[in-house]
Amino acid sequence: NFGSLFCFYWDSAGLSLPSFRGVAQMAARTLALSVLGCLCLSAQSSNVFVMLALDTVTNNGDLKDANGLKNQLQQLKSGNVDGIMVDVWWGVTEPSPKSYKFDGYKQLLGMCKDIGLKMQLVTSFHMCGGNVGDTCNIPLPEFVNSQADIWYKDQKGHEDKEYISLFADNVTIGGRTPLQMYSDWFEALAAAFSGDLGSVVVEIQVGMGPAGELRYPAYQLSQWQFCGVGAFQAFDKNALASFAQAAAAAGHKQWDSPPTDAGDYNSRPSDTSFFNSGYQSDY
C-alpha cells in the first residue's frame, strides 16, 4: 500500500517513469515492512502514556471537568493504556511566593490510582500560550511576571515572557533567584506526592525553556514565519553583561554587543551579512 501510494503521487505529479515505478514500490514496501517489524519487536516492551489537555488543571488549580476526566481515564484503562502524562504548571501551582497549590493534581493522582493508571509529570516552568498547539493561556506566576530585566530580549527591545532568561538564573527576585525558586518548587512537589513517587508517579520530565524545550525563544510565533532565521535573544541587561565579561576574558573589550547584522525574525540567511560571512570572523 505504501508503494502504491508513493507511485500514485509520482504519477499524479506527471513524473511517472515505468522503470522507476517498480523500484519505488519495492523500496517503499521494504521500508513499510521494516517499520512494521520494529513496531512489533518493541510492542512487548513499550509502555503507552496519553498526554492530557494542557488545561486539565485550570489556572485556579482545580480540575477542569472532574467527572468527564474520570470517564476518559476509565476508557483509557479499558484500552490497555499504561498511564497519562500531564503538565504541572508553575504558574498554577505557586500563586504566591513559596505558597504551593497541588490540589488539582493530587485529585488527578487519586483518580489514576483508583483506576490503575500510572502518571508522568511534566514540570512546566514556561508560559502556556503563543506556541504551536497551545489552546489556553497560563502565564508564569505574577510575582515573577511583573519583574523587569529577567526576560529574553531581541536587539529591538522586544521581550519574551515565555520563560525566565537563563542569563537571569542568579538574579535575586523577592529574596530568591530563579534557581532557588525552582529548587523550592521541586521540594514542594516531592512533599506533595511523596507517598506515590515511584509507584503511581513513575516519571518526572523537567521543562527547561520555552515550550518546555532547552532553547532560546528565537522564533516566537508572534514575530516569526517559516522559514525565517529567527532572532538572537541576547540583548537584555544580564545577557549583555555576560557578553561583555566573555569578550573581556577573550581579550576583546571593544566588543560591546552580540551581532546586530543577523537580520530580523523573517530574514533569509542570504539577506544577512552575519550568515553570509560574519559568523566566520573572530568576533
C-alpha atoms as a PDB file:
ATOM      1  CA  ASN A   1       0.000   0.000   0.000  1.00  0.00           C
ATOM      2  CA  PHE A   2       2.846   2.405   0.807  1.00  0.00           C
ATOM      3  CA  GLY A   3       4.447   1.569  -2.515  1.00  0.00           C
ATOM      4  CA  SER A   4       1.192   2.096  -4.419  1.00  0.00           C
ATOM      5  CA  LEU A   5       0.559   5.376  -2.628  1.00  0.00           C
ATOM      6  CA  PHE A   6       4.084   6.596  -3.372  1.00  0.00           C
ATOM      7  CA  CYS A   7       3.770   5.737  -7.044  1.00  0.00           C
ATOM      8  CA  PHE A   8       0.269   7.244  -7.231  1.00  0.00           C
ATOM      9  CA  TYR A   9       1.743  10.522  -6.016  1.00  0.00           C
ATOM     10  CA  TRP A  10       4.571  10.229  -8.530  1.00  0.00           C
ATOM     11  CA  ASP A  11       2.083   9.546 -11.357  1.00  0.00           C
ATOM     12  CA  SER A  12      -0.274  12.348 -10.350  1.00  0.00           C
ATOM     13  CA  ALA A  13       2.636  14.775 -10.481  1.00  0.00           C
ATOM     14  CA  GLY A  14       3.202  13.830 -14.091  1.00  0.00           C
ATOM     15  CA  LEU A  15       6.585  12.287 -13.357  1.00  0.00           C
ATOM     16  CA  SER A  16       5.816   8.625 -13.978  1.00  0.00           C
ATOM     17  CA  LEU A  17       8.722   6.541 -15.246  1.00  0.00           C
ATOM     18  CA  PRO A  18       7.973   2.830 -15.847  1.00  0.00           C
ATOM     19  CA  SER A  19      11.464   1.749 -14.818  1.00  0.00           C
ATOM     20  CA  PHE A  20      11.276   3.861 -11.674  1.00  0.00           C
ATOM     21  CA  ARG A  21       7.816   2.653 -10.634  1.00  0.00           C
ATOM     22  CA  GLY A  22       8.913  -0.873  -9.765  1.00  0.00           C
ATOM     23  CA  VAL A  23      11.943   0.358  -7.845  1.00  0.00           C
ATOM     24  CA  ALA A  24       9.798   2.827  -5.926  1.00  0.00           C
ATOM     25  CA  GLN A  25       7.240   0.179  -4.983  1.00  0.00           C
ATOM     26  CA  MET A  26       9.930  -2.217  -3.825  1.00  0.00           C
ATOM     27  CA  ALA A  27      11.725   0.445  -1.780  1.00  0.00           C
ATOM     28  CA  ALA A  28       8.537   1.763  -0.206  1.00  0.00           C
ATOM     29  CA  ARG A  29       7.250  -1.702   0.675  1.00  0.00           C
ATOM     30  CA  THR A  30      10.615  -2.660   2.148  1.00  0.00           C
ATOM     31  CA  LEU A  31      10.528   0.479   4.276  1.00  0.00           C
ATOM     32  CA  ALA A  32       6.962  -0.255   5.408  1.00  0.00           C
ATOM     33  CA  LEU A  33       7.885  -3.808   6.405  1.00  0.00           C
ATOM     34  CA  SER A  34      10.920  -2.564   8.288  1.00  0.00           C
ATOM     35  CA  VAL A  35       8.835  -0.056  10.240  1.00  0.00           C
ATOM     36  CA  LEU A  36       6.186  -2.682  10.977  1.00  0.00           C
ATOM     37  CA  GLY A  37       8.860  -5.094  12.144  1.00  0.00           C
ATOM     38  CA  CYS A  38      10.318  -2.516  14.525  1.00  0.00           C
ATOM     39  CA  LEU A  39       6.877  -1.818  15.953  1.00  0.00           C
ATOM     40  CA  CYS A  40       6.212  -5.492  16.529  1.00  0.00           C
ATOM     41  CA  LEU A  41       9.575  -6.042  18.196  1.00  0.00           C
ATOM     42  CA  SER A  42       9.062  -3.114  20.521  1.00  0.00           C
ATOM     43  CA  ALA A  43       5.379  -3.729  21.287  1.00  0.00           C
ATOM     44  CA  GLN A  44       6.046  -6.024  24.233  1.00  0.00           C
ATOM     45  CA  SER A  45       8.426  -3.615  25.958  1.00  0.00           C
ATOM     46  CA  SER A  46       6.825  -0.243  25.218  1.00  0.00           C
ATOM     47  CA  ASN A  47       4.514   1.492  27.652  1.00  0.00           C
ATOM     48  CA  VAL A  48       1.816   3.774  26.300  1.00  0.00           C
ATOM     49  CA  PHE A  49       1.100   7.083  28.032  1.00  0.00           C
ATOM     50  CA  VAL A  50      -1.503   9.558  26.766  1.00  0.00           C
ATOM     51  CA  MET A  51      -0.947  13.293  27.128  1.00  0.00           C
ATOM     52  CA  LEU A  52      -3.839  15.116  28.784  1.00  0.00           C
ATOM     53  CA  ALA A  53      -5.098  18.529  27.703  1.00  0.00           C
ATOM     54  CA  LEU A  54      -2.882  21.464  28.676  1.00  0.00           C
ATOM     55  CA  ASP A  55      -5.661  22.948  30.822  1.00  0.00           C
ATOM     56  CA  THR A  56      -6.676  19.726  32.572  1.00  0.00           C
ATOM     57  CA  VAL A  57      -5.945  21.700  35.742  1.00  0.00           C
ATOM     58  CA  THR A  58      -7.264  25.244  35.433  1.00  0.00           C
ATOM     59  CA  ASN A  59      -5.489  28.483  36.277  1.00  0.00           C
ATOM     60  CA  ASN A  60      -7.242  28.336  39.656  1.00  0.00           C
ATOM     61  CA  GLY A  61      -5.663  24.967  40.413  1.00  0.00           C
ATOM     62  CA  ASP A  62      -8.824  22.848  40.066  1.00  0.00           C
ATOM     63  CA  LEU A  63      -9.646  20.013  37.680  1.00  0.00           C
ATOM     64  CA  LYS A  64     -11.444  21.459  34.679  1.00  0.00           C
ATOM     65  CA  ASP A  65     -14.034  18.659  34.378  1.00  0.00           C
ATOM     66  CA  ALA A  66     -13.550  16.016  37.047  1.00  0.00           C
ATOM     67  CA  ASN A  67     -16.447  13.762  36.020  1.00  0.00           C
ATOM     68  CA  GLY A  68     -15.673  13.925  32.321  1.00  0.00           C
ATOM     69  CA  LEU A  69     -11.987  13.327  33.003  1.00  0.00           C
ATOM     70  CA  LYS A  70     -12.737  10.286  35.128  1.00  0.00           C
ATOM     71  CA  ASN A  71     -14.766   8.769  32.307  1.00  0.00           C
ATOM     72  CA  GLN A  72     -11.938   9.420  29.871  1.00  0.00           C
ATOM     73  CA  LEU A  73      -9.394   7.818  32.192  1.00  0.00           C
ATOM     74  CA  GLN A  74     -11.595   4.732  32.541  1.00  0.00           C
ATOM     75  CA  GLN A  75     -11.793   4.484  28.754  1.00  0.00           C
ATOM     76  CA  LEU A  76      -8.013   4.703  28.529  1.00  0.00           C
ATOM     77  CA  LYS A  77      -7.679   1.914  31.066  1.00  0.00           C
ATOM     78  CA  SER A  78     -10.123  -0.260  29.131  1.00  0.00           C
ATOM     79  CA  GLY A  79      -7.913   0.240  26.081  1.00  0.00           C
ATOM     80  CA  ASN A  80      -4.880  -1.121  27.976  1.00  0.00           C
ATOM     81  CA  VAL A  81      -3.164   2.267  28.144  1.00  0.00           C
ATOM     82  CA  ASP A  82      -0.490   2.280  30.853  1.00  0.00           C
ATOM     83  CA  GLY A  83      -0.925   5.830  32.062  1.00  0.00           C
ATOM     84  CA  ILE A  84      -1.212   9.541  31.405  1.00  0.00           C
ATOM     85  CA  MET A  85       1.139  12.493  31.105  1.00  0.00           C
ATOM     86  CA  VAL A  86       0.185  15.899  32.452  1.00  0.00           C
ATOM     87  CA  ASP A  87       1.813  19.338  32.605  1.00  0.00           C
ATOM     88  CA  VAL A  88       2.287  20.627  36.149  1.00  0.00           C
ATOM     89  CA  TRP A  89       2.320  24.377  35.580  1.00  0.00           C
ATOM     90  CA  TRP A  90       4.459  26.649  37.747  1.00  0.00           C
ATOM     91  CA  GLY A  91       2.009  29.473  37.053  1.00  0.00           C
ATOM     92  CA  VAL A  92      -0.814  27.376  38.514  1.00  0.00           C
ATOM     93  CA  THR A  93       0.904  25.723  41.460  1.00  0.00           C
ATOM     94  CA  GLU A  94       2.746  28.678  43.052  1.00  0.00           C
ATOM     95  CA  PRO A  95       0.227  31.558  43.124  1.00  0.00           C
ATOM     96  CA  SER A  96       2.375  33.481  45.615  1.00  0.00           C
ATOM     97  CA  PRO A  97       5.997  33.062  46.721  1.00  0.00           C
ATOM     98  CA  LYS A  98       6.561  29.712  48.477  1.00  0.00           C
ATOM     99  CA  SER A  99       2.814  29.093  48.685  1.00  0.00           C
ATOM    100  CA  TYR A 100       2.053  25.934  46.715  1.00  0.00           C
ATOM    101  CA  LYS A 101      -1.201  24.502  45.450  1.00  0.00           C
ATOM    102  CA  PHE A 102      -1.127  20.982  44.015  1.00  0.00           C
ATOM    103  CA  ASP A 103      -4.744  20.105  44.912  1.00  0.00           C
ATOM    104  CA  GLY A 104      -5.977  19.553  41.366  1.00  0.00           C
ATOM    105  CA  TYR A 105      -3.010  17.353  40.518  1.00  0.00           C
ATOM    106  CA  LYS A 106      -3.440  15.328  43.719  1.00  0.00           C
ATOM    107  CA  GLN A 107      -7.091  14.783  42.823  1.00  0.00           C
ATOM    108  CA  LEU A 108      -5.992  13.581  39.395  1.00  0.00           C
ATOM    109  CA  LEU A 109      -3.467  11.250  41.011  1.00  0.00           C
ATOM    110  CA  GLY A 110      -6.229   9.799  43.195  1.00  0.00           C
ATOM    111  CA  MET A 111      -8.289   9.045  40.086  1.00  0.00           C
ATOM    112  CA  CYS A 112      -5.365   7.377  38.353  1.00  0.00           C
ATOM    113  CA  LYS A 113      -4.589   5.379  41.476  1.00  0.00           C
ATOM    114  CA  ASP A 114      -8.175   4.107  41.760  1.00  0.00           C
ATOM    115  CA  ILE A 115      -8.410   3.259  38.071  1.00  0.00           C
ATOM    116  CA  GLY A 116      -4.965   1.681  37.860  1.00  0.00           C
ATOM    117  CA  LEU A 117      -3.149   4.162  35.651  1.00  0.00           C
ATOM    118  CA  LYS A 118       0.404   5.467  36.076  1.00  0.00           C
ATOM    119  CA  MET A 119       1.399   9.120  35.794  1.00  0.00           C
ATOM    120  CA  GLN A 120       4.176  11.074  34.133  1.00  0.00           C
ATOM    121  CA  LEU A 121       4.517  14.629  35.428  1.00  0.00           C
ATOM    122  CA  VAL A 122       5.956  17.354  33.206  1.00  0.00           C
ATOM    123  CA  THR A 123       7.310  20.230  35.292  1.00  0.00           C
ATOM    124  CA  SER A 124       6.375  23.237  33.181  1.00  0.00           C
ATOM    125  CA  PHE A 125       8.207  26.408  34.182  1.00  0.00           C
ATOM    126  CA  HIS A 126       7.181  28.145  30.971  1.00  0.00           C
ATOM    127  CA  MET A 127       4.141  30.094  29.883  1.00  0.00           C
ATOM    128  CA  CYS A 128       1.388  28.305  28.009  1.00  0.00           C
ATOM    129  CA  GLY A 129       0.033  30.344  25.118  1.00  0.00           C
ATOM    130  CA  GLY A 130       1.548  31.526  21.861  1.00  0.00           C
ATOM    131  CA  ASN A 131       3.198  28.288  20.768  1.00  0.00           C
ATOM    132  CA  VAL A 132       2.058  25.600  18.334  1.00  0.00           C
ATOM    133  CA  GLY A 133      -0.765  23.578  19.884  1.00  0.00           C
ATOM    134  CA  ASP A 134      -1.362  25.949  22.806  1.00  0.00           C
ATOM    135  CA  THR A 135      -5.113  26.038  23.415  1.00  0.00           C
ATOM    136  CA  CYS A 136      -5.112  28.048  26.627  1.00  0.00           C
ATOM    137  CA  ASN A 137      -3.254  30.841  28.389  1.00  0.00           C
ATOM    138  CA  ILE A 138      -1.304  30.058  31.566  1.00  0.00           C
ATOM    139  CA  PRO A 139       1.224  32.786  32.420  1.00  0.00           C
ATOM    140  CA  LEU A 140       4.118  32.468  34.831  1.00  0.00           C
ATOM    141  CA  PRO A 141       3.433  33.385  38.490  1.00  0.00           C
ATOM    142  CA  GLU A 142       2.584  37.061  38.875  1.00  0.00           C
ATOM    143  CA  PHE A 143       5.404  37.612  41.356  1.00  0.00           C
ATOM    144  CA  VAL A 144       7.907  36.934  38.558  1.00  0.00           C
ATOM    145  CA  ASN A 145       5.778  38.012  35.603  1.00  0.00           C
ATOM    146  CA  SER A 146       5.752  41.575  36.888  1.00  0.00           C
ATOM    147  CA  GLN A 147       9.550  41.777  37.163  1.00  0.00           C
ATOM    148  CA  ALA A 148      11.719  43.676  34.678  1.00  0.00           C
ATOM    149  CA  ASP A 149      15.044  42.705  33.095  1.00  0.00           C
ATOM    150  CA  ILE A 150      14.736  38.932  33.614  1.00  0.00           C
ATOM    151  CA  TRP A 151      13.389  38.059  30.157  1.00  0.00           C
ATOM    152  CA  TYR A 152      14.930  37.216  26.824  1.00  0.00           C
ATOM    153  CA  LYS A 153      15.126  40.315  24.642  1.00  0.00           C
ATOM    154  CA  ASP A 154      15.956  40.819  20.963  1.00  0.00           C
ATOM    155  CA  GLN A 155      18.024  43.694  19.582  1.00  0.00           C
ATOM    156  CA  LYS A 156      14.905  45.824  19.007  1.00  0.00           C
ATOM    157  CA  GLY A 157      13.933  45.580  22.660  1.00  0.00           C
ATOM    158  CA  HIS A 158      11.099  43.066  22.317  1.00  0.00           C
ATOM    159  CA  GLU A 159      10.834  40.941  25.492  1.00  0.00           C
ATOM    160  CA  ASP A 160       9.598  37.362  25.528  1.00  0.00           C
ATOM    161  CA  LYS A 161       7.869  36.270  28.732  1.00  0.00           C
ATOM    162  CA  GLU A 162       7.584  32.574  27.959  1.00  0.00           C
ATOM    163  CA  TYR A 163      10.415  31.654  30.298  1.00  0.00           C
ATOM    164  CA  ILE A 164      12.859  33.419  32.600  1.00  0.00           C
ATOM    165  CA  SER A 165      16.103  34.051  30.737  1.00  0.00           C
ATOM    166  CA  LEU A 166      18.969  31.735  31.566  1.00  0.00           C
ATOM    167  CA  PHE A 167      21.046  34.900  31.909  1.00  0.00           C
ATOM    168  CA  ALA A 168      18.895  35.763  34.959  1.00  0.00           C
ATOM    169  CA  ASP A 169      19.387  32.441  36.757  1.00  0.00           C
ATOM    170  CA  ASN A 170      21.229  34.127  39.623  1.00  0.00           C
ATOM    171  CA  VAL A 171      19.344  37.429  39.737  1.00  0.00           C
ATOM    172  CA  THR A 172      17.584  37.948  43.067  1.00  0.00           C
ATOM    173  CA  ILE A 173      13.821  38.420  42.753  1.00  0.00           C
ATOM    174  CA  GLY A 174      12.000  38.987  46.021  1.00  0.00           C
ATOM    175  CA  GLY A 175      14.766  37.376  48.034  1.00  0.00           C
ATOM    176  CA  ARG A 176      15.275  34.335  45.792  1.00  0.00           C
ATOM    177  CA  THR A 177      16.967  33.631  42.499  1.00  0.00           C
ATOM    178  CA  PRO A 178      15.095  31.690  39.787  1.00  0.00           C
ATOM    179  CA  LEU A 179      17.283  28.652  40.526  1.00  0.00           C
ATOM    180  CA  GLN A 180      16.278  28.848  44.186  1.00  0.00           C
ATOM    181  CA  MET A 181      12.633  29.177  43.148  1.00  0.00           C
ATOM    182  CA  TYR A 182      12.870  26.039  41.035  1.00  0.00           C
ATOM    183  CA  SER A 183      14.580  24.194  43.879  1.00  0.00           C
ATOM    184  CA  ASP A 184      11.902  25.241  46.381  1.00  0.00           C
ATOM    185  CA  TRP A 185       9.186  24.209  43.954  1.00  0.00           C
ATOM    186  CA  PHE A 186      10.683  20.750  43.440  1.00  0.00           C
ATOM    187  CA  GLU A 187      10.874  20.250  47.196  1.00  0.00           C
ATOM    188  CA  ALA A 188       7.198  21.169  47.475  1.00  0.00           C
ATOM    189  CA  LEU A 189       6.313  18.806  44.611  1.00  0.00           C
ATOM    190  CA  ALA A 190       8.231  15.949  46.251  1.00  0.00           C
ATOM    191  CA  ALA A 191       6.475  16.565  49.555  1.00  0.00           C
ATOM    192  CA  ALA A 192       3.025  16.713  47.925  1.00  0.00           C
ATOM    193  CA  PHE A 193       3.472  13.399  46.094  1.00  0.00           C
ATOM    194  CA  SER A 194       5.909  11.668  48.455  1.00  0.00           C
ATOM    195  CA  GLY A 195       3.712   8.640  49.036  1.00  0.00           C
ATOM    196  CA  ASP A 196       3.280   7.913  45.343  1.00  0.00           C
ATOM    197  CA  LEU A 197       6.642   8.715  43.754  1.00  0.00           C
ATOM    198  CA  GLY A 198       7.977   5.591  42.088  1.00  0.00           C
ATOM    199  CA  SER A 199       4.651   3.769  42.262  1.00  0.00           C
ATOM    200  CA  VAL A 200       1.879   5.851  40.686  1.00  0.00           C
ATOM    201  CA  VAL A 201       4.153   8.682  39.543  1.00  0.00           C
ATOM    202  CA  VAL A 202       6.706   6.761  37.517  1.00  0.00           C
ATOM    203  CA  GLU A 203       8.435   9.582  35.647  1.00  0.00           C
ATOM    204  CA  ILE A 204       9.089  13.311  36.002  1.00  0.00           C
ATOM    205  CA  GLN A 205      10.123  15.284  32.936  1.00  0.00           C
ATOM    206  CA  VAL A 206      11.742  18.669  33.570  1.00  0.00           C
ATOM    207  CA  GLY A 207      10.840  21.612  31.349  1.00  0.00           C
ATOM    208  CA  MET A 208      13.907  23.699  30.522  1.00  0.00           C
ATOM    209  CA  GLY A 209      12.787  26.623  28.387  1.00  0.00           C
ATOM    210  CA  PRO A 210      10.129  27.987  26.012  1.00  0.00           C
ATOM    211  CA  ALA A 211       7.509  25.290  25.308  1.00  0.00           C
ATOM    212  CA  GLY A 212       9.453  23.190  27.817  1.00  0.00           C
ATOM    213  CA  GLU A 213      12.399  22.898  25.420  1.00  0.00           C
ATOM    214  CA  LEU A 214      16.036  23.716  26.153  1.00  0.00           C
ATOM    215  CA  ARG A 215      16.358  26.520  23.613  1.00  0.00           C
ATOM    216  CA  TYR A 216      16.152  30.272  23.122  1.00  0.00           C
ATOM    217  CA  PRO A 217      12.777  31.758  22.034  1.00  0.00           C
ATOM    218  CA  ALA A 218      14.336  32.774  18.728  1.00  0.00           C
ATOM    219  CA  TYR A 219      11.279  32.078  16.580  1.00  0.00           C
ATOM    220  CA  GLN A 220       8.260  33.346  18.521  1.00  0.00           C
ATOM    221  CA  LEU A 221       5.068  32.816  16.544  1.00  0.00           C
ATOM    222  CA  SER A 222       4.010  36.398  17.238  1.00  0.00           C
ATOM    223  CA  GLN A 223       7.105  37.608  15.353  1.00  0.00           C
ATOM    224  CA  TRP A 224       8.230  34.799  13.064  1.00  0.00           C
ATOM    225  CA  GLN A 225       7.065  32.935   9.977  1.00  0.00           C
ATOM    226  CA  PHE A 226       8.612  29.856   8.394  1.00  0.00           C
ATOM    227  CA  CYS A 227      11.336  29.848   7.252  1.00  0.00           C
ATOM    228  CA  GLY A 228      12.916  32.978   8.683  1.00  0.00           C
ATOM    229  CA  VAL A 229      16.237  32.821  10.511  1.00  0.00           C
ATOM    230  CA  GLY A 230      14.747  33.999  13.810  1.00  0.00           C
ATOM    231  CA  ALA A 231      16.493  36.478  16.083  1.00  0.00           C
ATOM    232  CA  PHE A 232      19.194  36.421  18.735  1.00  0.00           C
ATOM    233  CA  GLN A 233      17.700  36.692  22.235  1.00  0.00           C
ATOM    234  CA  ALA A 234      20.756  38.111  23.980  1.00  0.00           C
ATOM    235  CA  PHE A 235      20.100  41.819  24.440  1.00  0.00           C
ATOM    236  CA  ASP A 236      18.666  42.078  27.958  1.00  0.00           C
ATOM    237  CA  LYS A 237      20.957  43.698  30.509  1.00  0.00           C
ATOM    238  CA  ASN A 238      22.022  40.373  32.050  1.00  0.00           C
ATOM    239  CA  ALA A 239      22.867  38.895  28.664  1.00  0.00           C
ATOM    240  CA  LEU A 240      24.833  41.994  27.679  1.00  0.00           C
ATOM    241  CA  ALA A 241      26.766  41.858  30.946  1.00  0.00           C
ATOM    242  CA  SER A 242      27.573  38.199  30.300  1.00  0.00           C
ATOM    243  CA  PHE A 243      28.696  39.074  26.763  1.00  0.00           C
ATOM    244  CA  ALA A 244      30.954  41.890  27.982  1.00  0.00           C
ATOM    245  CA  GLN A 245      32.523  39.601  30.570  1.00  0.00           C
ATOM    246  CA  ALA A 246      33.202  36.916  27.971  1.00  0.00           C
ATOM    247  CA  ALA A 247      34.607  39.475  25.500  1.00  0.00           C
ATOM    248  CA  ALA A 248      36.972  40.886  28.135  1.00  0.00           C
ATOM    249  CA  ALA A 249      38.131  37.396  29.084  1.00  0.00           C
ATOM    250  CA  ALA A 250      38.891  36.775  25.402  1.00  0.00           C
ATOM    251  CA  GLY A 251      40.948  39.979  25.223  1.00  0.00           C
ATOM    252  CA  HIS A 252      38.416  41.999  23.220  1.00  0.00           C
ATOM    253  CA  LYS A 253      36.918  44.636  25.498  1.00  0.00           C
ATOM    254  CA  GLN A 254      35.920  46.594  22.413  1.00  0.00           C
ATOM    255  CA  TRP A 255      33.222  44.027  21.639  1.00  0.00           C
ATOM    256  CA  ASP A 256      30.232  45.526  23.413  1.00  0.00           C
ATOM    257  CA  SER A 257      27.270  43.759  21.835  1.00  0.00           C
ATOM    258  CA  PRO A 258      26.169  40.482  20.248  1.00  0.00           C
ATOM    259  CA  PRO A 259      25.947  40.582  16.435  1.00  0.00           C
ATOM    260  CA  THR A 260      23.454  43.099  15.089  1.00  0.00           C
ATOM    261  CA  ASP A 261      23.825  42.155  11.420  1.00  0.00           C
ATOM    262  CA  ALA A 262      21.878  38.867  11.546  1.00  0.00           C
ATOM    263  CA  GLY A 263      18.719  40.316  10.046  1.00  0.00           C
ATOM    264  CA  ASP A 264      15.262  40.036  11.564  1.00  0.00           C
ATOM    265  CA  TYR A 265      12.983  37.141  12.509  1.00  0.00           C
ATOM    266  CA  ASN A 266      11.861  36.648   8.922  1.00  0.00           C
ATOM    267  CA  SER A 267      15.104  37.352   7.083  1.00  0.00           C
ATOM    268  CA  ARG A 268      16.664  34.696   4.899  1.00  0.00           C
ATOM    269  CA  PRO A 269      20.305  33.718   5.541  1.00  0.00           C
ATOM    270  CA  SER A 270      21.353  35.140   2.191  1.00  0.00           C
ATOM    271  CA  ASP A 271      19.934  38.523   3.208  1.00  0.00           C
ATOM    272  CA  THR A 272      22.284  38.967   6.161  1.00  0.00           C
ATOM    273  CA  SER A 273      25.987  39.649   6.407  1.00  0.00           C
ATOM    274  CA  PHE A 274      26.236  37.546   9.571  1.00  0.00           C
ATOM    275  CA  PHE A 275      25.047  34.318   7.947  1.00  0.00           C
ATOM    276  CA  ASN A 276      26.971  35.010   4.733  1.00  0.00           C
ATOM    277  CA  SER A 277      30.382  35.557   6.231  1.00  0.00           C
ATOM    278  CA  GLY A 278      30.234  37.390   9.536  1.00  0.00           C
ATOM    279  CA  TYR A 279      29.951  34.203  11.592  1.00  0.00           C
ATOM    280  CA  GLN A 280      33.445  33.243  10.376  1.00  0.00           C
ATOM    281  CA  SER A 281      35.163  36.282  11.887  1.00  0.00           C
ATOM    282  CA  ASP A 282      36.967  36.293  15.247  1.00  0.00           C
ATOM    283  CA  TYR A 283      34.155  38.421  16.598  1.00  0.00           C
END
